PDB file of N, CA and C in Angstrom:
ATOM      1  N   THR A   1      -1.580  -7.863 -30.329  1.00  0.00           N
ATOM      2  CA  THR A   1      -1.453  -6.708 -30.045  1.00  0.00           C
ATOM      3  C   THR A   1      -0.264  -6.446 -29.013  1.00  0.00           C
ATOM      4  N   LEU A   2       0.050  -7.838 -28.418  1.00  0.00           N
ATOM      5  CA  LEU A   2       1.203  -7.832 -27.535  1.00  0.00           C
ATOM      6  C   LEU A   2       2.470  -8.604 -28.177  1.00  0.00           C
ATOM      7  N   SER A   3       3.647  -7.791 -27.857  1.00  0.00           N
ATOM      8  CA  SER A   3       4.948  -8.238 -28.111  1.00  0.00           C
ATOM      9  C   SER A   3       5.228  -9.773 -27.419  1.00  0.00           C
ATOM     10  N   LYS A   4       6.076 -10.856 -28.052  1.00  0.00           N
ATOM     11  CA  LYS A   4       5.957 -12.109 -27.656  1.00  0.00           C
ATOM     12  C   LYS A   4       6.861 -12.060 -26.199  1.00  0.00           C
ATOM     13  N   GLU A   5       7.219 -11.435 -25.939  1.00  0.00           N
ATOM     14  CA  GLU A   5       7.794 -11.057 -24.538  1.00  0.00           C
ATOM     15  C   GLU A   5       6.768 -10.712 -23.567  1.00  0.00           C
ATOM     16  N   HIS A   6       5.762  -9.549 -23.906  1.00  0.00           N
ATOM     17  CA  HIS A   6       4.983  -9.394 -23.297  1.00  0.00           C
ATOM     18  C   HIS A   6       3.804 -10.649 -23.243  1.00  0.00           C
ATOM     19  N   ALA A   7       3.380 -11.126 -24.181  1.00  0.00           N
ATOM     20  CA  ALA A   7       2.544 -12.149 -24.284  1.00  0.00           C
ATOM     21  C   ALA A   7       2.888 -13.275 -23.355  1.00  0.00           C
ATOM     22  N   LEU A   8       4.535 -13.288 -23.116  1.00  0.00           N
ATOM     23  CA  LEU A   8       4.835 -14.681 -22.282  1.00  0.00           C
ATOM     24  C   LEU A   8       4.744 -14.223 -20.500  1.00  0.00           C
ATOM     25  N   HIS A   9       4.903 -12.948 -20.669  1.00  0.00           N
ATOM     26  CA  HIS A   9       4.285 -12.619 -18.803  1.00  0.00           C
ATOM     27  C   HIS A   9       3.032 -12.825 -18.769  1.00  0.00           C
ATOM     28  N   VAL A  10       1.913 -12.090 -19.832  1.00  0.00           N
ATOM     29  CA  VAL A  10       0.918 -12.336 -19.572  1.00  0.00           C
ATOM     30  C   VAL A  10       0.356 -14.292 -19.383  1.00  0.00           C
ATOM     31  N   PHE A  11       0.856 -14.966 -20.169  1.00  0.00           N
ATOM     32  CA  PHE A  11       0.574 -16.007 -20.086  1.00  0.00           C
ATOM     33  C   PHE A  11       1.308 -16.792 -18.621  1.00  0.00           C
ATOM     34  N   ARG A  12       2.620 -16.507 -18.016  1.00  0.00           N
ATOM     35  CA  ARG A  12       3.083 -16.846 -16.838  1.00  0.00           C
ATOM     36  C   ARG A  12       2.236 -16.431 -15.796  1.00  0.00           C
ATOM     37  N   ILE A  13       1.251 -14.933 -16.094  1.00  0.00           N
ATOM     38  CA  ILE A  13       0.644 -14.687 -14.654  1.00  0.00           C
ATOM     39  C   ILE A  13      -0.556 -15.482 -14.736  1.00  0.00           C
ATOM     40  N   VAL A  14      -1.276 -15.850 -16.110  1.00  0.00           N
ATOM     41  CA  VAL A  14      -2.374 -16.810 -15.871  1.00  0.00           C
ATOM     42  C   VAL A  14      -1.993 -18.121 -15.617  1.00  0.00           C
ATOM     43  N   GLN A  15      -0.603 -18.501 -15.770  1.00  0.00           N
ATOM     44  CA  GLN A  15      -0.135 -19.699 -15.283  1.00  0.00           C
ATOM     45  C   GLN A  15      -0.057 -20.224 -13.638  1.00  0.00           C
ATOM     46  N   GLU A  16       0.086 -19.036 -12.974  1.00  0.00           N
ATOM     47  CA  GLU A  16       0.521 -18.707 -11.613  1.00  0.00           C
ATOM     48  C   GLU A  16      -0.936 -18.740 -10.874  1.00  0.00           C
ATOM     49  N   LEU A  17      -1.847 -18.009 -11.457  1.00  0.00           N
ATOM     50  CA  LEU A  17      -3.055 -17.679 -11.101  1.00  0.00           C
ATOM     51  C   LEU A  17      -3.789 -19.122 -10.944  1.00  0.00           C
ATOM     52  N   ILE A  18      -3.612 -19.789 -11.813  1.00  0.00           N
ATOM     53  CA  ILE A  18      -4.399 -21.326 -12.200  1.00  0.00           C
ATOM     54  C   ILE A  18      -3.740 -22.094 -11.218  1.00  0.00           C
ATOM     55  N   ASN A  19      -2.241 -22.184 -11.010  1.00  0.00           N
ATOM     56  CA  ASN A  19      -1.662 -23.093 -10.311  1.00  0.00           C
ATOM     57  C   ASN A  19      -2.046 -22.605  -8.676  1.00  0.00           C
ATOM     58  N   ASN A  20      -2.371 -21.519  -8.220  1.00  0.00           N
ATOM     59  CA  ASN A  20      -2.665 -20.778  -7.125  1.00  0.00           C
ATOM     60  C   ASN A  20      -4.127 -21.530  -6.799  1.00  0.00           C
ATOM     61  N   THR A  21      -5.056 -21.409  -7.743  1.00  0.00           N
ATOM     62  CA  THR A  21      -6.445 -21.770  -7.644  1.00  0.00           C
ATOM     63  C   THR A  21      -6.304 -23.425  -7.190  1.00  0.00           C
ATOM     64  N   VAL A  22      -5.810 -23.746  -8.079  1.00  0.00           N
ATOM     65  CA  VAL A  22      -5.683 -25.387  -8.116  1.00  0.00           C
ATOM     66  C   VAL A  22      -4.928 -25.804  -6.604  1.00  0.00           C
ATOM     67  N   LYS A  23      -3.840 -25.255  -6.082  1.00  0.00           N
ATOM     68  CA  LYS A  23      -3.041 -25.417  -5.138  1.00  0.00           C
ATOM     69  C   LYS A  23      -3.527 -25.179  -3.695  1.00  0.00           C
ATOM     70  N   TYR A  24      -4.466 -24.124  -3.512  1.00  0.00           N
ATOM     71  CA  TYR A  24      -4.708 -23.431  -2.425  1.00  0.00           C
ATOM     72  C   TYR A  24      -6.462 -23.320  -2.284  1.00  0.00           C
ATOM     73  N   ALA A  25      -6.976 -23.054  -3.370  1.00  0.00           N
ATOM     74  CA  ALA A  25      -8.521 -22.239  -3.297  1.00  0.00           C
ATOM     75  C   ALA A  25      -9.385 -23.698  -3.006  1.00  0.00           C
ATOM     76  N   LYS A  26      -9.233 -24.683  -3.629  1.00  0.00           N
ATOM     77  CA  LYS A  26     -10.317 -25.651  -3.602  1.00  0.00           C
ATOM     78  C   LYS A  26     -11.518 -25.097  -4.210  1.00  0.00           C
ATOM     79  N   ALA A  27     -11.241 -24.215  -5.335  1.00  0.00           N
ATOM     80  CA  ALA A  27     -12.445 -23.833  -6.238  1.00  0.00           C
ATOM     81  C   ALA A  27     -13.123 -24.964  -7.140  1.00  0.00           C
ATOM     82  N   ASP A  28     -14.220 -24.817  -7.540  1.00  0.00           N
ATOM     83  CA  ASP A  28     -14.583 -25.707  -8.334  1.00  0.00           C
ATOM     84  C   ASP A  28     -14.703 -25.133  -9.632  1.00  0.00           C
ATOM     85  N   ARG A  29     -14.494 -23.637 -10.117  1.00  0.00           N
ATOM     86  CA  ARG A  29     -15.005 -22.839 -11.323  1.00  0.00           C
ATOM     87  C   ARG A  29     -13.875 -21.772 -11.406  1.00  0.00           C
ATOM     88  N   ILE A  30     -13.459 -21.689 -12.672  1.00  0.00           N
ATOM     89  CA  ILE A  30     -12.514 -20.579 -12.779  1.00  0.00           C
ATOM     90  C   ILE A  30     -12.801 -19.686 -14.019  1.00  0.00           C
ATOM     91  N   THR A  31     -12.964 -18.592 -13.897  1.00  0.00           N
ATOM     92  CA  THR A  31     -13.563 -17.679 -15.132  1.00  0.00           C
ATOM     93  C   THR A  31     -12.453 -16.595 -15.715  1.00  0.00           C
ATOM     94  N   LEU A  32     -12.058 -17.180 -16.878  1.00  0.00           N
ATOM     95  CA  LEU A  32     -11.027 -16.439 -17.517  1.00  0.00           C
ATOM     96  C   LEU A  32     -11.422 -15.211 -18.680  1.00  0.00           C
ATOM     97  N   SER A  33     -10.980 -14.274 -18.892  1.00  0.00           N
ATOM     98  CA  SER A  33     -11.116 -13.235 -19.928  1.00  0.00           C
ATOM     99  C   SER A  33     -10.119 -12.699 -20.102  1.00  0.00           C
ATOM    100  N   LEU A  34     -10.091 -12.703 -21.579  1.00  0.00           N
ATOM    101  CA  LEU A  34      -8.634 -11.808 -22.153  1.00  0.00           C
ATOM    102  C   LEU A  34      -9.435 -11.251 -23.368  1.00  0.00           C
ATOM    103  N   GLN A  35      -8.938  -9.597 -23.128  1.00  0.00           N
ATOM    104  CA  GLN A  35      -9.934  -9.008 -24.249  1.00  0.00           C
ATOM    105  C   GLN A  35      -9.043  -7.895 -24.658  1.00  0.00           C
ATOM    106  N   SER A  36      -9.142  -7.628 -25.863  1.00  0.00           N
ATOM    107  CA  SER A  36      -8.259  -6.220 -26.305  1.00  0.00           C
ATOM    108  C   SER A  36      -8.809  -5.246 -27.467  1.00  0.00           C
ATOM    109  N   ASP A  37      -8.487  -4.188 -27.033  1.00  0.00           N
ATOM    110  CA  ASP A  37      -9.092  -3.205 -28.195  1.00  0.00           C
ATOM    111  C   ASP A  37      -8.080  -2.332 -28.083  1.00  0.00           C
ATOM    112  N   GLU A  38      -8.261  -1.301 -28.876  1.00  0.00           N
ATOM    113  CA  GLU A  38      -7.139  -0.400 -29.407  1.00  0.00           C
ATOM    114  C   GLU A  38      -6.409   0.625 -28.343  1.00  0.00           C
ATOM    115  N   ASN A  39      -6.813   0.481 -27.264  1.00  0.00           N
ATOM    116  CA  ASN A  39      -6.550   1.051 -26.184  1.00  0.00           C
ATOM    117  C   ASN A  39      -5.637   0.494 -25.191  1.00  0.00           C
ATOM    118  N   ALA A  40      -6.157  -1.138 -24.930  1.00  0.00           N
ATOM    119  CA  ALA A  40      -5.568  -1.764 -23.731  1.00  0.00           C
ATOM    120  C   ALA A  40      -5.989  -3.211 -24.214  1.00  0.00           C
ATOM    121  N   VAL A  41      -5.277  -4.410 -23.156  1.00  0.00           N
ATOM    122  CA  VAL A  41      -5.238  -5.472 -23.092  1.00  0.00           C
ATOM    123  C   VAL A  41      -5.940  -5.629 -21.604  1.00  0.00           C
ATOM    124  N   HIS A  42      -6.874  -6.419 -21.634  1.00  0.00           N
ATOM    125  CA  HIS A  42      -7.712  -6.942 -20.184  1.00  0.00           C
ATOM    126  C   HIS A  42      -7.707  -7.983 -20.054  1.00  0.00           C
ATOM    127  N   LEU A  43      -7.141  -8.545 -18.939  1.00  0.00           N
ATOM    128  CA  LEU A  43      -7.035  -9.760 -18.161  1.00  0.00           C
ATOM    129  C   LEU A  43      -8.013  -9.824 -17.095  1.00  0.00           C
ATOM    130  N   GLN A  44      -8.983 -10.507 -17.061  1.00  0.00           N
ATOM    131  CA  GLN A  44      -9.899 -10.828 -15.891  1.00  0.00           C
ATOM    132  C   GLN A  44     -10.070 -12.170 -15.549  1.00  0.00           C
ATOM    133  N   TYR A  45      -9.652 -12.592 -14.156  1.00  0.00           N
ATOM    134  CA  TYR A  45      -9.871 -13.611 -13.835  1.00  0.00           C
ATOM    135  C   TYR A  45     -10.287 -13.955 -12.398  1.00  0.00           C
ATOM    136  N   THR A  46     -11.503 -14.817 -12.350  1.00  0.00           N
ATOM    137  CA  THR A  46     -11.842 -14.952 -11.159  1.00  0.00           C
ATOM    138  C   THR A  46     -11.846 -16.688 -10.714  1.00  0.00           C
ATOM    139  N   ASP A  47     -11.900 -16.976  -9.483  1.00  0.00           N
ATOM    140  CA  ASP A  47     -12.349 -18.421  -9.025  1.00  0.00           C
ATOM    141  C   ASP A  47     -13.501 -18.212  -7.876  1.00  0.00           C
ATOM    142  N   ASN A  48     -13.904 -19.241  -7.451  1.00  0.00           N
ATOM    143  CA  ASN A  48     -15.100 -19.434  -6.737  1.00  0.00           C
ATOM    144  C   ASN A  48     -14.540 -20.409  -5.485  1.00  0.00           C
ATOM    145  N   GLY A  49     -13.132 -20.085  -5.091  1.00  0.00           N
ATOM    146  CA  GLY A  49     -12.368 -20.970  -4.002  1.00  0.00           C
ATOM    147  C   GLY A  49     -12.540 -20.156  -2.476  1.00  0.00           C
ATOM    148  N   LEU A  50     -11.591 -20.665  -1.786  1.00  0.00           N
ATOM    149  CA  LEU A  50     -11.683 -20.381  -0.487  1.00  0.00           C
ATOM    150  C   LEU A  50     -11.315 -18.852   0.097  1.00  0.00           C
ATOM    151  N   GLY A  51     -10.887 -18.297  -0.895  1.00  0.00           N
ATOM    152  CA  GLY A  51     -10.330 -16.724  -0.834  1.00  0.00           C
ATOM    153  C   GLY A  51      -9.275 -16.624   0.298  1.00  0.00           C
ATOM    154  N   PHE A  52      -8.681 -15.404   0.634  1.00  0.00           N
ATOM    155  CA  PHE A  52      -8.021 -14.862   1.431  1.00  0.00           C
ATOM    156  C   PHE A  52      -7.646 -13.526   1.802  1.00  0.00           C
ATOM    157  N   ASN A  53      -7.190 -13.573   2.542  1.00  0.00           N
ATOM    158  CA  ASN A  53      -6.774 -12.134   3.003  1.00  0.00           C
ATOM    159  C   ASN A  53      -5.536 -11.287   2.286  1.00  0.00           C
ATOM    160  N   ILE A  54      -5.783 -10.678   1.275  1.00  0.00           N
ATOM    161  CA  ILE A  54      -5.116  -9.868   0.373  1.00  0.00           C
ATOM    162  C   ILE A  54      -3.489  -9.236   1.093  1.00  0.00           C
ATOM    163  N   SER A  55      -3.371  -8.924   1.864  1.00  0.00           N
ATOM    164  CA  SER A  55      -2.075  -8.303   2.600  1.00  0.00           C
ATOM    165  C   SER A  55      -1.394  -9.437   2.900  1.00  0.00           C
ATOM    166  N   GLU A  56      -2.082 -10.617   3.503  1.00  0.00           N
ATOM    167  CA  GLU A  56      -1.398 -11.927   4.061  1.00  0.00           C
ATOM    168  C   GLU A  56      -0.881 -12.657   2.920  1.00  0.00           C
ATOM    169  N   GLY A  57      -1.855 -12.667   1.894  1.00  0.00           N
ATOM    170  CA  GLY A  57      -1.239 -13.411   0.876  1.00  0.00           C
ATOM    171  C   GLY A  57      -0.218 -12.719  -0.266  1.00  0.00           C
ATOM    172  N   LYS A  58       0.169 -11.667   0.113  1.00  0.00           N
ATOM    173  CA  LYS A  58       1.251 -11.010  -0.474  1.00  0.00           C
ATOM    174  C   LYS A  58       2.223 -11.196   0.121  1.00  0.00           C
ATOM    175  N   LYS A  59       2.368 -11.450   1.543  1.00  0.00           N
ATOM    176  CA  LYS A  59       3.526 -11.939   2.189  1.00  0.00           C
ATOM    177  C   LYS A  59       3.859 -13.268   2.264  1.00  0.00           C
ATOM    178  N   ALA A  60       3.089 -13.693   1.688  1.00  0.00           N
ATOM    179  CA  ALA A  60       3.304 -15.491   1.918  1.00  0.00           C
ATOM    180  C   ALA A  60       3.984 -15.608   0.475  1.00  0.00           C
ATOM    181  N   LYS A  61       4.855 -16.525   0.903  1.00  0.00           N
ATOM    182  CA  LYS A  61       5.898 -17.131  -0.407  1.00  0.00           C
ATOM    183  C   LYS A  61       5.370 -18.010  -1.469  1.00  0.00           C
ATOM    184  N   GLY A  62       4.259 -18.956  -0.866  1.00  0.00           N
ATOM    185  CA  GLY A  62       3.777 -19.811  -1.772  1.00  0.00           C
ATOM    186  C   GLY A  62       2.785 -19.172  -2.656  1.00  0.00           C
ATOM    187  N   LEU A  63       1.892 -18.339  -2.652  1.00  0.00           N
ATOM    188  CA  LEU A  63       1.244 -17.720  -3.421  1.00  0.00           C
ATOM    189  C   LEU A  63       1.696 -17.200  -4.785  1.00  0.00           C
ATOM    190  N   GLY A  64       3.085 -16.475  -4.467  1.00  0.00           N
ATOM    191  CA  GLY A  64       3.138 -16.074  -6.021  1.00  0.00           C
ATOM    192  C   GLY A  64       2.523 -14.700  -6.533  1.00  0.00           C
ATOM    193  N   LEU A  65       1.916 -14.107  -5.610  1.00  0.00           N
ATOM    194  CA  LEU A  65       1.387 -12.833  -5.793  1.00  0.00           C
ATOM    195  C   LEU A  65       2.483 -11.862  -6.156  1.00  0.00           C
ATOM    196  N   SER A  66       3.733 -11.599  -5.323  1.00  0.00           N
ATOM    197  CA  SER A  66       4.559 -10.821  -5.973  1.00  0.00           C
ATOM    198  C   SER A  66       5.409 -11.051  -6.948  1.00  0.00           C
ATOM    199  N   GLY A  67       5.227 -12.374  -7.738  1.00  0.00           N
ATOM    200  CA  GLY A  67       5.739 -12.808  -8.946  1.00  0.00           C
ATOM    201  C   GLY A  67       4.735 -12.321  -9.626  1.00  0.00           C
ATOM    202  N   ILE A  68       3.482 -11.952  -9.860  1.00  0.00           N
ATOM    203  CA  ILE A  68       2.431 -11.543 -10.687  1.00  0.00           C
ATOM    204  C   ILE A  68       2.686 -10.019 -10.507  1.00  0.00           C
ATOM    205  N   GLU A  69       2.533  -9.372  -9.673  1.00  0.00           N
ATOM    206  CA  GLU A  69       3.121  -7.845  -9.316  1.00  0.00           C
ATOM    207  C   GLU A  69       4.443  -7.787  -9.985  1.00  0.00           C
ATOM    208  N   ASN A  70       5.634  -8.261 -10.196  1.00  0.00           N
ATOM    209  CA  ASN A  70       6.493  -7.933 -10.710  1.00  0.00           C
ATOM    210  C   ASN A  70       6.470  -8.271 -12.251  1.00  0.00           C
ATOM    211  N   ARG A  71       5.543  -9.278 -12.737  1.00  0.00           N
ATOM    212  CA  ARG A  71       5.639  -9.302 -14.181  1.00  0.00           C
ATOM    213  C   ARG A  71       4.538  -8.227 -14.743  1.00  0.00           C
ATOM    214  N   ALA A  72       3.347  -7.679 -13.812  1.00  0.00           N
ATOM    215  CA  ALA A  72       2.838  -6.579 -14.283  1.00  0.00           C
ATOM    216  C   ALA A  72       3.517  -5.567 -14.416  1.00  0.00           C
ATOM    217  N   ALA A  73       4.332  -5.134 -13.533  1.00  0.00           N
ATOM    218  CA  ALA A  73       5.248  -4.142 -13.584  1.00  0.00           C
ATOM    219  C   ALA A  73       6.261  -3.840 -14.733  1.00  0.00           C
ATOM    220  N   ILE A  74       6.720  -5.175 -15.130  1.00  0.00           N
ATOM    221  CA  ILE A  74       7.650  -5.113 -16.359  1.00  0.00           C
ATOM    222  C   ILE A  74       6.903  -5.054 -17.465  1.00  0.00           C
ATOM    223  N   LEU A  75       5.305  -5.331 -17.580  1.00  0.00           N
ATOM    224  CA  LEU A  75       4.514  -5.337 -18.461  1.00  0.00           C
ATOM    225  C   LEU A  75       4.071  -3.579 -18.770  1.00  0.00           C
ATOM    226  N   GLU A  76       4.317  -2.846 -17.539  1.00  0.00           N
ATOM    227  CA  GLU A  76       3.606  -1.418 -17.274  1.00  0.00           C
ATOM    228  C   GLU A  76       2.219  -1.565 -17.518  1.00  0.00           C
ATOM    229  N   ALA A  77       1.715  -2.486 -16.547  1.00  0.00           N
ATOM    230  CA  ALA A  77       0.128  -2.837 -16.592  1.00  0.00           C
ATOM    231  C   ALA A  77      -0.075  -2.368 -14.949  1.00  0.00           C
ATOM    232  N   ASP A  78      -1.604  -2.512 -14.880  1.00  0.00           N
ATOM    233  CA  ASP A  78      -1.893  -2.273 -13.500  1.00  0.00           C
ATOM    234  C   ASP A  78      -2.545  -3.177 -13.347  1.00  0.00           C
ATOM    235  N   VAL A  79      -2.334  -4.047 -11.974  1.00  0.00           N
ATOM    236  CA  VAL A  79      -2.942  -4.967 -11.543  1.00  0.00           C
ATOM    237  C   VAL A  79      -3.593  -5.038 -10.209  1.00  0.00           C
ATOM    238  N   THR A  80      -4.851  -5.694  -9.977  1.00  0.00           N
ATOM    239  CA  THR A  80      -5.470  -5.546  -8.827  1.00  0.00           C
ATOM    240  C   THR A  80      -6.186  -6.824  -8.195  1.00  0.00           C
ATOM    241  N   PHE A  81      -5.950  -7.207  -6.933  1.00  0.00           N
ATOM    242  CA  PHE A  81      -6.239  -8.359  -6.503  1.00  0.00           C
ATOM    243  C   PHE A  81      -7.569  -7.903  -5.841  1.00  0.00           C
ATOM    244  N   GLN A  82      -8.727  -8.911  -5.563  1.00  0.00           N
ATOM    245  CA  GLN A  82      -9.753  -8.632  -4.639  1.00  0.00           C
ATOM    246  C   GLN A  82      -9.814 -10.173  -4.212  1.00  0.00           C
ATOM    247  N   SER A  83     -10.032 -10.280  -2.906  1.00  0.00           N
ATOM    248  CA  SER A  83     -10.394 -11.539  -2.298  1.00  0.00           C
ATOM    249  C   SER A  83     -10.949 -11.433  -0.844  1.00  0.00           C
ATOM    250  N   ILE A  84     -11.687 -11.954  -0.506  1.00  0.00           N
ATOM    251  CA  ILE A  84     -12.486 -12.060   0.673  1.00  0.00           C
ATOM    252  C   ILE A  84     -12.416 -13.754   0.947  1.00  0.00           C
ATOM    253  N   PRO A  85     -12.074 -13.589   2.414  1.00  0.00           N
ATOM    254  CA  PRO A  85     -11.939 -15.322   2.438  1.00  0.00           C
ATOM    255  C   PRO A  85     -13.324 -15.714   2.431  1.00  0.00           C
ATOM    256  N   GLY A  86     -13.520 -17.266   2.162  1.00  0.00           N
ATOM    257  CA  GLY A  86     -14.918 -17.788   1.971  1.00  0.00           C
ATOM    258  C   GLY A  86     -15.192 -17.206   0.636  1.00  0.00           C
ATOM    259  N   GLU A  87     -15.058 -16.458   0.204  1.00  0.00           N
ATOM    260  CA  GLU A  87     -15.646 -15.768  -1.139  1.00  0.00           C
ATOM    261  C   GLU A  87     -14.757 -15.720  -2.504  1.00  0.00           C
ATOM    262  N   GLY A  88     -13.799 -16.634  -2.718  1.00  0.00           N
ATOM    263  CA  GLY A  88     -12.784 -16.481  -4.088  1.00  0.00           C
ATOM    264  C   GLY A  88     -12.224 -15.322  -4.256  1.00  0.00           C
ATOM    265  N   MET A  89     -11.621 -15.304  -5.242  1.00  0.00           N
ATOM    266  CA  MET A  89     -10.541 -14.084  -5.546  1.00  0.00           C
ATOM    267  C   MET A  89     -10.962 -13.774  -7.074  1.00  0.00           C
ATOM    268  N   SER A  90     -10.729 -12.476  -7.267  1.00  0.00           N
ATOM    269  CA  SER A  90     -10.261 -11.852  -8.701  1.00  0.00           C
ATOM    270  C   SER A  90      -9.197 -11.123  -8.733  1.00  0.00           C
ATOM    271  N   VAL A  91      -8.564 -11.194 -10.166  1.00  0.00           N
ATOM    272  CA  VAL A  91      -7.595 -10.328 -10.313  1.00  0.00           C
ATOM    273  C   VAL A  91      -7.846  -9.560 -12.012  1.00  0.00           C
ATOM    274  N   ASN A  92      -7.743  -8.603 -12.033  1.00  0.00           N
ATOM    275  CA  ASN A  92      -7.797  -7.432 -12.994  1.00  0.00           C
ATOM    276  C   ASN A  92      -6.394  -6.941 -13.607  1.00  0.00           C
ATOM    277  N   LEU A  93      -5.938  -7.095 -14.865  1.00  0.00           N
ATOM    278  CA  LEU A  93      -4.823  -6.592 -15.190  1.00  0.00           C
ATOM    279  C   LEU A  93      -5.165  -5.912 -16.637  1.00  0.00           C
ATOM    280  N   ILE A  94      -4.546  -4.546 -16.553  1.00  0.00           N
ATOM    281  CA  ILE A  94      -5.013  -3.799 -17.515  1.00  0.00           C
ATOM    282  C   ILE A  94      -3.487  -3.075 -18.126  1.00  0.00           C
ATOM    283  N   LYS A  95      -3.204  -3.649 -19.352  1.00  0.00           N
ATOM    284  CA  LYS A  95      -2.267  -3.156 -19.991  1.00  0.00           C
ATOM    285  C   LYS A  95      -2.543  -2.501 -21.143  1.00  0.00           C
ATOM    286  N   LYS A  96      -2.258  -0.900 -21.116  1.00  0.00           N
ATOM    287  CA  LYS A  96      -2.586   0.197 -21.825  1.00  0.00           C
ATOM    288  C   LYS A  96      -1.420  -0.115 -22.960  1.00  0.00           C
ATOM    289  N   GLN A  97      -2.286   0.607 -24.105  1.00  0.00           N
ATOM    290  CA  GLN A  97      -1.477   0.288 -25.471  1.00  0.00           C
ATOM    291  C   GLN A  97      -0.760   1.693 -25.618  1.00  0.00           C
ATOM    292  N   LYS A  98       0.461   1.741 -26.175  1.00  0.00           N
ATOM    293  CA  LYS A  98       1.263   3.008 -26.351  1.00  0.00           C
ATOM    294  C   LYS A  98       0.640   3.207 -27.757  1.00  0.00           C
ATOM    295  N   ILE A  99       0.335   4.549 -27.721  1.00  0.00           N
ATOM    296  CA  ILE A  99      -0.228   5.196 -29.061  1.00  0.00           C
ATOM    297  C   ILE A  99       1.059   6.032 -30.006  1.00  0.00           C
TER     298      ILE A  99
END
């Protein structure tokens, strides 16, 4: 349901999320779900790592959150980050299908 270009952006987003979890979060569990229907593609990513303050994380160069947001903008997708220090992180991305 995605073009090759859009599929590559989704892949790179997931790659960055996994990289962040491995480098910074000290998580022992990642949950990844990618589903599509006639209306949208849904990506859900969670880890049980250290978590962080989202506003500080967006300012940090090492986390790549701005790159994820940039790729979501290219996809014309909505992306939300949720994290609380000590409670892991979750990311939801929704790419609505054009009819």
